[in-house]
Every structure is written in structure tokens, then in C-alpha cells.
Amino acid sequence: MSHQMTALDAQHARYAITPWHKLGNIGHIHWEEVRDAFDWCEVERAHLLIEHHGVEEILEGRNVLKMVNYPFAHAEISSKYKIVQHRFMIDDLTGMLIDTGLVESIESVGTYDNGAVGYVSLKFKDEINIPGWSKIESMFNIGNGHDKNVPLIATQSATAVVCANTFKWNILDKDAVFRFKKMGDPQGMMQEAVEELCKGYERHTQYAEQIERMANQEFVDEQWNQLVVDLIGPMPSFNPEAPAFTQVRPGVETLGWNRNPQGYHNKLTRWSNTKADLNNRFYIDEDIAGVRNTKWGALMAVQAWEQKDKALKGIKNSRDRTRRHQANVMFGKLPMTEKAANLLPKF
């Protein structure tokens, strides 16, 4: 499921620096000042009601997670469901993680879907520097969901400063996603968080080596063309027997002269436009000039295309695209970038 930032989320969000969507409250984030940042979206267990012949009736044994301060319900829950308020992330986990000495700053505190999904992003110390291109800032994200789609989770993401490309570290390493196991045991969950942060910091140094290696591996035109085909498929070919090419007018028998090739042309146009957008990112985009014609440059080209160009259902403008992408980096999927990351070592 895709998550999006609503106006209510933006009203309460905090960012250390201005995000792409230019929403929220901007400024240095002090832990002491944001410990209450999630109080507005606290939830409680409530009976599920239905209206029957104009009368509200309680459905016995049915409960939902309902916001305390706003008229929103997030998910139906069982009697055994343990509620973990978003406050636990910032008040308990974040304070303790800062004390490890591995965290440089709190980068963001916010929610998606009218408070249903909360997150805290912490920036690791010791950014990664790729000579001639950019520095990469590595983030440790804690997320919690009241929608039953996002468990209490920790992920690692990163930002390439020169081009504002954000990506999930699990495109390089599946261990960059961690789901808390000791639900209902706050002390155990805090211990898990500290252990995972320390592992994340160790992985951070490994990623630096992997990125530098990929940035020094040449990736020529022939390889790029093959990667594009592997990602979006080969150029469509005309098949006169396909249903899309044999449409006829109602009431008229199928005749050879009545075949309609419009479906083929539409498909070819979409494929050609996608290939052109990908090529633009790889060959022309100035943001990857320092790593152009390398494996890392190829991965960043695919990432930039998926982040900024790829058509998405339900997305009407660039602002909505940015909001959706930020959520996907933390808790969702970037299928094309992940596919490219899996394919590149084979070249």
C-alpha cells in the first residue's frame, strides 16, 4: 500500500532542512522539543458502529483504532492487538539512540495518511564521500503504523546530496530493514533498537566501500541498453493477430482491412517515451555527471527516473510524486531501482 502526506500530516511535520515538497515546519530539531510531537495523532481502541435504519448500533466483538483528537479511524483490530503509540519512537527509542553517540542529528519527525503511519529519521555520523560526485548522508528511520500495514520497523535510507536522490539501502543489502519482534515488551524493543542501530552503523561503512567500487566500474552504452531492456522489456512488435489489432465495428464481421493497429502504436509510444526518459537520466542528467558511465551512475539514473519521471497511478503533480516517493523510501517499494541493483552485479 502506498502512503501519502496529507495536509494534516504536513501541519505537524518537522524537518531539519527544507524537504522536496517544501511542506512542514523547518528548523533544527531538538529532541527535548519534539518529545510530544506525536501527541496529536494518538489512538485508542473503539467499538465499530454501523447505522441501521437511522440508528447507530455497536457490532459486538468488532473494534477499530480511532484517533483521539480527530475523526479518523485507521484499521479494524482484534482484542489481542497491542497498541504502540507513535510517541514511543521519539520519546523512548530516539532519546536512547542519540545517547549511543552514533547519531549526528534528528532529520525529520512526521506522519503519513492522517497520522496512521509515524516516522523519525536520524542521520548517522560520518557521511560517505564519493570523490568528484557527491557526499551521501545515511539515515536510520524508525516507523510505526496504526494501519496494520507498517509494523514497528527500522529501515536505512540515504540521500545523495548533489542530486537529492533518496534511496533505500536495502537495494544493496536486505538486512537494512528490521522488524521489531518483542512487541508488548518496551524494554526488549529498546534493546533491539540499540542493537539494530549499531549494526546499521557498521553496514554504513560497508556501503561506502560498495558505492566507491561501483563508482569505479565502467558501464558502457551496450550494457546500459541491455539494462534498459531488462527493466522495461524489449521494444513492442506488431502482432496482427493480437486482440488489440483486430478490433472491428459493432455488427461487422472481422475483415482483414478492418484491423486496428492503434493499440500497438500506443504501446510503442509508451515504451519509447520511457526509454527516452531513462536515457536522459543516464546520458544527460547533470546530477550524475561525476559518476556517468559507471555502475553507480546507472543505478542513480534508474533511481532518478523512478523518483522523478516514472508515471504513477493517482499522481497528478510533482508535489504528490515527491510525497509518495519519500514514503516509499522509508516503508514502501522502489521496484525498478531494486531490480536494477540486482541486475548490475551480473554485468
Protein backbone atom coordinates (compact mmCIF):
# COMPACT_ATOMS: atom_id res chain seq x y z
CA MET A 1 0.00 0.00 0.00
CA SER A 2 1.29 3.48 -0.85
CA HIS A 3 1.43 6.14 1.84
CA GLN A 4 0.92 9.86 1.27
CA MET A 5 1.32 13.03 3.29
CA THR A 6 -1.95 14.86 3.84
CA ALA A 7 -2.49 18.49 4.82
CA LEU A 8 -2.96 17.35 8.43
CA ASP A 9 0.33 15.45 8.35
CA ALA A 10 2.14 18.46 6.86
CA GLN A 11 0.76 20.73 9.55
CA HIS A 12 2.55 18.73 12.26
CA ALA A 13 5.67 17.50 10.41
CA ARG A 14 9.15 18.68 11.42
CA TYR A 15 12.20 18.77 9.13
CA ALA A 16 15.76 19.83 9.86
CA ILE A 17 16.14 21.15 6.31
CA THR A 18 13.56 22.01 3.66
CA PRO A 19 12.25 18.77 2.06
CA TRP A 20 11.43 18.39 -1.64
CA HIS A 21 7.74 19.04 -1.11
CA LYS A 22 8.53 22.24 0.87
CA LEU A 23 5.88 21.43 3.47
CA GLY A 24 6.04 21.06 7.23
CA ASN A 25 7.89 23.08 9.85
CA ILE A 26 11.56 23.68 9.07
CA GLY A 27 14.40 24.17 11.55
CA HIS A 28 16.89 22.39 13.79
CA ILE A 29 15.16 19.60 15.69
CA HIS A 30 15.94 19.34 19.39
CA TRP A 31 14.89 16.05 20.95
CA GLU A 32 13.55 17.73 24.06
CA GLU A 33 11.27 19.91 21.94
CA VAL A 34 9.72 17.11 19.86
CA ARG A 35 9.05 14.50 22.52
CA ASP A 36 5.37 15.50 22.31
CA ALA A 37 5.35 15.71 18.50
CA PHE A 38 3.03 12.72 18.08
CA ASP A 39 0.52 13.55 20.80
CA TRP A 40 -1.90 14.98 18.21
CA CYS A 41 -2.27 11.59 16.50
CA GLU A 42 -2.61 9.24 19.47
CA VAL A 43 -5.13 6.44 19.01
CA GLU A 44 -7.47 4.42 21.17
CA ARG A 45 -9.49 1.25 20.82
CA ALA A 46 -13.14 1.96 19.93
CA HIS A 47 -16.24 -0.09 19.15
CA LEU A 48 -17.17 -0.43 15.50
CA LEU A 49 -20.54 1.18 14.84
CA ILE A 50 -22.95 0.85 11.92
CA GLU A 51 -26.03 2.83 11.07
CA HIS A 52 -29.07 0.61 10.67
CA HIS A 53 -32.42 2.20 9.75
CA GLY A 54 -31.16 5.55 11.06
CA VAL A 55 -29.97 4.09 14.37
CA GLU A 56 -26.31 3.58 15.35
CA GLU A 57 -25.61 0.10 16.63
CA ILE A 58 -22.46 -1.46 18.07
CA LEU A 59 -21.07 -4.51 16.28
CA GLU A 60 -20.23 -6.87 19.12
CA GLY A 61 -16.63 -8.04 19.20
CA ARG A 62 -15.53 -5.58 16.46
CA ASN A 63 -13.04 -2.82 17.28
CA VAL A 64 -11.11 -0.16 15.38
CA LEU A 65 -8.12 2.06 16.08
CA LYS A 66 -9.60 5.54 16.33
CA MET A 67 -7.76 8.84 16.68
CA VAL A 68 -8.34 10.57 20.00
CA ASN A 69 -8.29 14.16 18.66
CA TYR A 70 -9.54 13.83 15.06
CA PRO A 71 -12.43 11.98 13.39
CA PHE A 72 -10.32 9.30 11.69
CA ALA A 73 -10.23 5.53 12.16
CA HIS A 74 -7.22 3.64 10.80
CA ALA A 75 -7.85 -0.10 10.97
CA GLU A 76 -10.03 -2.79 12.44
CA ILE A 77 -8.18 -4.68 15.19
CA SER A 78 -8.61 -7.82 17.25
CA SER A 79 -8.93 -7.95 21.03
CA LYS A 80 -5.31 -9.16 21.22
CA TYR A 81 -3.85 -6.24 19.25
CA LYS A 82 -1.23 -4.32 21.27
CA ILE A 83 -1.30 -0.57 20.65
CA VAL A 84 2.10 1.08 20.26
CA GLN A 85 1.69 4.86 20.17
CA HIS A 86 3.99 6.81 17.83
CA ARG A 87 5.29 8.65 20.91
CA PHE A 88 7.28 5.54 21.81
CA MET A 89 9.52 6.17 18.77
CA ILE A 90 10.55 9.69 19.71
CA ASP A 91 10.27 9.72 23.50
CA ASP A 92 11.79 6.33 24.30
CA LEU A 93 13.72 5.00 21.29
CA THR A 94 15.17 8.23 19.86
CA GLY A 95 16.48 9.56 23.16
CA MET A 96 18.23 6.29 23.82
CA LEU A 97 19.67 6.03 20.28
CA ILE A 98 21.08 9.55 20.47
CA ASP A 99 22.95 8.50 23.62
CA THR A 100 24.87 5.87 21.64
CA GLY A 101 26.98 8.63 20.07
CA LEU A 102 26.34 7.27 16.55
CA VAL A 103 23.61 9.77 15.67
CA GLU A 104 24.51 13.23 14.42
CA SER A 105 21.02 14.74 14.31
CA ILE A 106 17.27 14.23 14.06
CA GLU A 107 16.39 14.94 10.44
CA SER A 108 12.61 14.54 10.43
CA VAL A 109 9.63 13.69 12.63
CA GLY A 110 6.29 13.21 10.93
CA THR A 111 3.41 11.08 9.72
CA TYR A 112 1.55 9.88 6.63
CA ASP A 113 -2.13 9.12 5.99
CA ASN A 114 -3.54 11.49 8.62
CA GLY A 115 -1.31 10.17 11.38
CA ALA A 116 -1.74 6.47 10.57
CA VAL A 117 2.00 5.95 9.93
CA GLY A 118 4.61 7.79 12.00
CA TYR A 119 8.35 8.08 11.43
CA VAL A 120 11.54 9.50 12.91
CA SER A 121 14.68 9.84 10.76
CA LEU A 122 18.10 10.01 12.40
CA LYS A 123 21.26 10.93 10.49
CA PHE A 124 24.33 8.82 11.13
CA LYS A 125 27.65 10.47 11.79
CA ASP A 126 30.39 10.08 9.15
CA GLU A 127 28.77 10.69 5.76
CA ILE A 128 30.02 8.84 2.68
CA ASN A 129 32.06 10.90 0.21
CA ILE A 130 32.30 9.85 -3.43
CA PRO A 131 35.21 11.86 -4.94
CA GLY A 132 34.17 14.00 -7.89
CA TRP A 133 30.47 13.45 -7.35
CA SER A 134 28.72 13.89 -4.04
CA LYS A 135 28.51 13.13 -0.36
CA ILE A 136 25.89 10.63 0.77
CA GLU A 137 24.11 11.07 4.08
CA SER A 138 22.91 7.85 5.68
CA MET A 139 19.67 7.74 7.67
CA PHE A 140 18.26 5.37 10.27
CA ASN A 141 14.46 5.51 10.11
CA ILE A 142 12.05 4.26 12.75
CA GLY A 143 8.46 3.75 11.64
CA ASN A 144 5.24 2.71 13.32
CA GLY A 145 1.83 2.12 11.79
CA HIS A 146 -1.71 2.13 13.08
CA ASP A 147 -2.96 0.89 9.69
CA LYS A 148 -1.73 -2.71 10.19
CA ASN A 149 0.39 -2.39 7.03
CA VAL A 150 3.50 -0.94 8.69
CA PRO A 151 4.69 -2.70 11.85
CA LEU A 152 7.14 -1.09 14.24
CA ILE A 153 10.08 -1.12 11.87
CA ALA A 154 13.60 0.22 11.35
CA THR A 155 14.98 0.93 7.86
CA GLN A 156 18.09 2.55 6.44
CA SER A 157 17.93 5.08 3.63
CA ALA A 158 20.29 7.64 2.18
CA THR A 159 20.43 10.91 0.28
CA ALA A 160 22.92 11.81 -2.43
CA VAL A 161 23.27 15.50 -1.65
CA VAL A 162 24.25 16.70 -5.13
CA CYS A 163 21.05 15.45 -6.78
CA ALA A 164 18.67 14.96 -3.83
CA ASN A 165 18.25 11.31 -4.89
CA THR A 166 16.96 9.34 -1.94
CA PHE A 167 17.15 5.57 -1.90
CA LYS A 168 16.76 2.62 0.40
CA TRP A 169 19.92 0.88 1.49
CA ASN A 170 18.16 -2.46 1.10
CA ILE A 171 18.65 -2.10 -2.66
CA LEU A 172 22.20 -3.09 -1.72
CA ASP A 173 21.52 -5.12 1.41
CA LYS A 174 18.33 -6.89 2.56
CA ASP A 175 19.43 -6.55 6.20
CA ALA A 176 18.74 -2.79 6.02
CA VAL A 177 15.11 -3.50 7.00
CA PHE A 178 14.36 -4.68 10.55
CA ARG A 179 11.01 -5.52 12.11
CA PHE A 180 10.75 -5.38 15.87
CA LYS A 181 9.89 -8.73 17.41
CA LYS A 182 9.33 -8.09 21.12
CA MET A 183 6.00 -6.35 20.76
CA GLY A 184 4.44 -5.54 24.11
CA ASP A 185 7.85 -5.54 25.81
CA PRO A 186 9.10 -1.91 25.76
CA GLN A 187 12.43 -2.71 27.38
CA GLY A 188 13.08 -5.54 24.95
CA MET A 189 12.12 -3.34 21.99
CA MET A 190 14.50 -0.60 23.10
CA GLN A 191 17.32 -3.13 23.34
CA GLU A 192 16.51 -4.34 19.83
CA ALA A 193 16.63 -0.75 18.58
CA VAL A 194 20.10 -0.13 20.03
CA GLU A 195 21.43 -3.38 18.60
CA GLU A 196 19.98 -2.61 15.18
CA LEU A 197 21.38 0.93 15.18
CA CYS A 198 24.86 -0.39 15.92
CA LYS A 199 24.54 -2.96 13.13
CA GLY A 200 23.32 -0.21 10.83
CA TYR A 201 26.34 1.93 11.56
CA GLU A 202 28.63 -1.00 10.77
CA ARG A 203 26.76 -1.56 7.49
CA HIS A 204 27.12 2.15 6.75
CA THR A 205 30.89 1.74 6.36
CA GLN A 206 30.40 -1.33 4.16
CA TYR A 207 28.05 0.60 1.88
CA ALA A 208 30.70 3.27 1.42
CA GLU A 209 33.09 0.63 0.07
CA GLN A 210 30.43 -0.87 -2.21
CA ILE A 211 29.40 2.51 -3.65
CA GLU A 212 33.01 3.50 -4.27
CA ARG A 213 33.61 0.19 -6.03
CA MET A 214 30.53 0.63 -8.26
CA ALA A 215 31.52 4.25 -8.99
CA ASN A 216 34.83 2.96 -10.36
CA GLN A 217 33.33 0.20 -12.54
CA GLU A 218 32.80 1.29 -16.15
CA PHE A 219 29.34 0.82 -17.64
CA VAL A 220 29.31 1.24 -21.41
CA ASP A 221 26.47 2.01 -23.83
CA GLU A 222 25.89 -1.63 -24.80
CA GLN A 223 25.48 -2.61 -21.14
CA TRP A 224 23.13 0.30 -20.46
CA ASN A 225 20.95 -0.61 -23.45
CA GLN A 226 20.68 -4.17 -22.16
CA LEU A 227 19.83 -2.96 -18.64
CA VAL A 228 17.02 -0.80 -20.04
CA VAL A 229 15.56 -3.79 -21.92
CA ASP A 230 15.85 -5.94 -18.78
CA LEU A 231 13.93 -3.28 -16.85
CA ILE A 232 11.15 -2.28 -19.25
CA GLY A 233 11.14 -5.16 -21.73
CA PRO A 234 12.02 -5.20 -25.46
CA MET A 235 10.50 -2.81 -27.96
CA PRO A 236 6.92 -3.90 -28.77
CA SER A 237 6.49 -5.67 -32.09
CA PHE A 238 3.40 -5.57 -34.29
CA ASN A 239 1.25 -8.69 -33.99
CA PRO A 240 -1.72 -8.51 -36.38
CA GLU A 241 -3.39 -11.48 -34.63
CA ALA A 242 -3.45 -9.84 -31.18
CA PRO A 243 -6.96 -8.78 -29.98
CA ALA A 244 -5.89 -5.14 -29.80
CA PHE A 245 -5.08 -5.20 -33.52
CA THR A 246 -8.25 -6.96 -34.76
CA GLN A 247 -10.98 -4.73 -33.37
CA VAL A 248 -13.97 -4.24 -35.69
CA ARG A 249 -17.04 -2.06 -35.73
CA PRO A 250 -20.12 -3.46 -33.92
CA GLY A 251 -22.18 -5.67 -36.20
CA VAL A 252 -19.44 -6.02 -38.82
CA GLU A 253 -17.74 -9.33 -39.44
CA THR A 254 -13.95 -9.46 -38.93
CA LEU A 255 -12.28 -8.39 -42.15
CA GLY A 256 -8.58 -8.07 -42.81
CA TRP A 257 -8.91 -4.46 -43.92
CA ASN A 258 -10.66 -3.55 -40.65
CA ARG A 259 -7.77 -4.37 -38.30
CA ASN A 260 -6.91 -1.58 -35.88
CA PRO A 261 -3.20 -1.06 -35.09
CA GLN A 262 -3.85 1.76 -32.59
CA GLY A 263 -3.18 -0.47 -29.57
CA TYR A 264 0.25 -1.31 -30.93
CA HIS A 265 1.09 2.34 -31.59
CA ASN A 266 0.01 3.35 -28.09
CA LYS A 267 2.17 0.66 -26.54
CA LEU A 268 5.13 1.59 -28.72
CA THR A 269 4.77 5.27 -27.78
CA ARG A 270 4.74 4.47 -24.05
CA TRP A 271 7.80 2.24 -24.40
CA SER A 272 9.70 4.80 -26.48
CA ASN A 273 8.94 7.61 -24.04
CA THR A 274 10.08 5.51 -21.08
CA LYS A 275 13.33 4.56 -22.82
CA ALA A 276 13.94 8.21 -23.72
CA ASP A 277 13.40 9.29 -20.10
CA LEU A 278 15.83 6.65 -18.84
CA ASN A 279 18.43 7.61 -21.46
CA ASN A 280 18.08 11.24 -20.48
CA ARG A 281 18.93 10.37 -16.88
CA PHE A 282 21.93 8.26 -17.86
CA TYR A 283 23.43 10.37 -20.65
CA ILE A 284 22.35 13.97 -19.98
CA ASP A 285 21.33 14.49 -16.34
CA GLU A 286 23.99 16.77 -14.82
CA ASP A 287 23.28 15.42 -11.34
CA ILE A 288 25.17 12.21 -12.12
CA ALA A 289 27.91 13.81 -14.22
CA GLY A 290 30.58 12.77 -11.71
CA VAL A 291 29.65 9.09 -11.95
CA ARG A 292 28.37 8.90 -15.52
CA ASN A 293 29.18 5.69 -17.44
CA THR A 294 29.71 3.74 -14.21
CA LYS A 295 27.58 1.10 -12.50
CA TRP A 296 26.74 3.52 -9.70
CA GLY A 297 25.79 6.15 -12.26
CA ALA A 298 23.48 3.62 -13.94
CA LEU A 299 21.80 2.84 -10.62
CA MET A 300 21.38 6.53 -9.82
CA ALA A 301 19.93 7.13 -13.30
CA VAL A 302 17.28 4.45 -12.74
CA GLN A 303 16.65 5.80 -9.25
CA ALA A 304 16.19 9.37 -10.53
CA TRP A 305 13.85 8.18 -13.28
CA GLU A 306 11.71 6.19 -10.83
CA GLN A 307 11.71 9.07 -8.37
CA LYS A 308 11.08 11.94 -10.77
CA ASP A 309 9.80 10.67 -14.14
CA LYS A 310 8.02 7.31 -13.92
CA ALA A 311 4.26 7.52 -14.33
CA LEU A 312 2.37 6.60 -11.14
CA LYS A 313 -1.31 5.88 -10.73
CA GLY A 314 -3.16 8.53 -8.76
CA ILE A 315 -0.32 11.06 -9.02
CA LYS A 316 -1.34 14.34 -10.64
CA ASN A 317 1.65 16.61 -9.94
CA SER A 318 5.30 16.63 -8.89
CA ARG A 319 4.47 17.55 -5.30
CA ASP A 320 2.34 14.43 -4.86
CA ARG A 321 5.07 12.38 -6.54
CA THR A 322 7.65 13.63 -4.06
CA ARG A 323 5.44 12.87 -1.09
CA ARG A 324 4.78 9.35 -2.37
CA HIS A 325 8.46 8.73 -3.09
CA GLN A 326 9.59 9.82 0.37
CA ALA A 327 7.14 7.37 1.94
CA ASN A 328 8.27 4.57 -0.38
CA VAL A 329 11.91 5.14 0.54
CA MET A 330 11.12 4.54 4.20
CA PHE A 331 8.41 1.90 4.16
CA GLY A 332 7.33 1.08 0.63
CA LYS A 333 8.88 -0.30 -2.54
CA LEU A 334 11.02 1.05 -5.36
CA PRO A 335 10.73 -1.96 -7.67
CA MET A 336 12.68 -0.68 -10.68
CA THR A 337 15.61 0.59 -8.60
CA GLU A 338 15.72 -2.66 -6.64
CA LYS A 339 15.58 -4.66 -9.87
CA ALA A 340 18.45 -2.62 -11.35
CA ALA A 341 20.52 -3.15 -8.18
CA ASN A 342 20.04 -6.91 -8.54
CA LEU A 343 20.91 -6.87 -12.25
CA LEU A 344 24.02 -4.65 -12.19
CA PRO A 345 26.40 -7.14 -10.49
CA LYS A 346 25.76 -9.54 -13.41
CA PHE A 347 27.20 -7.12 -15.99
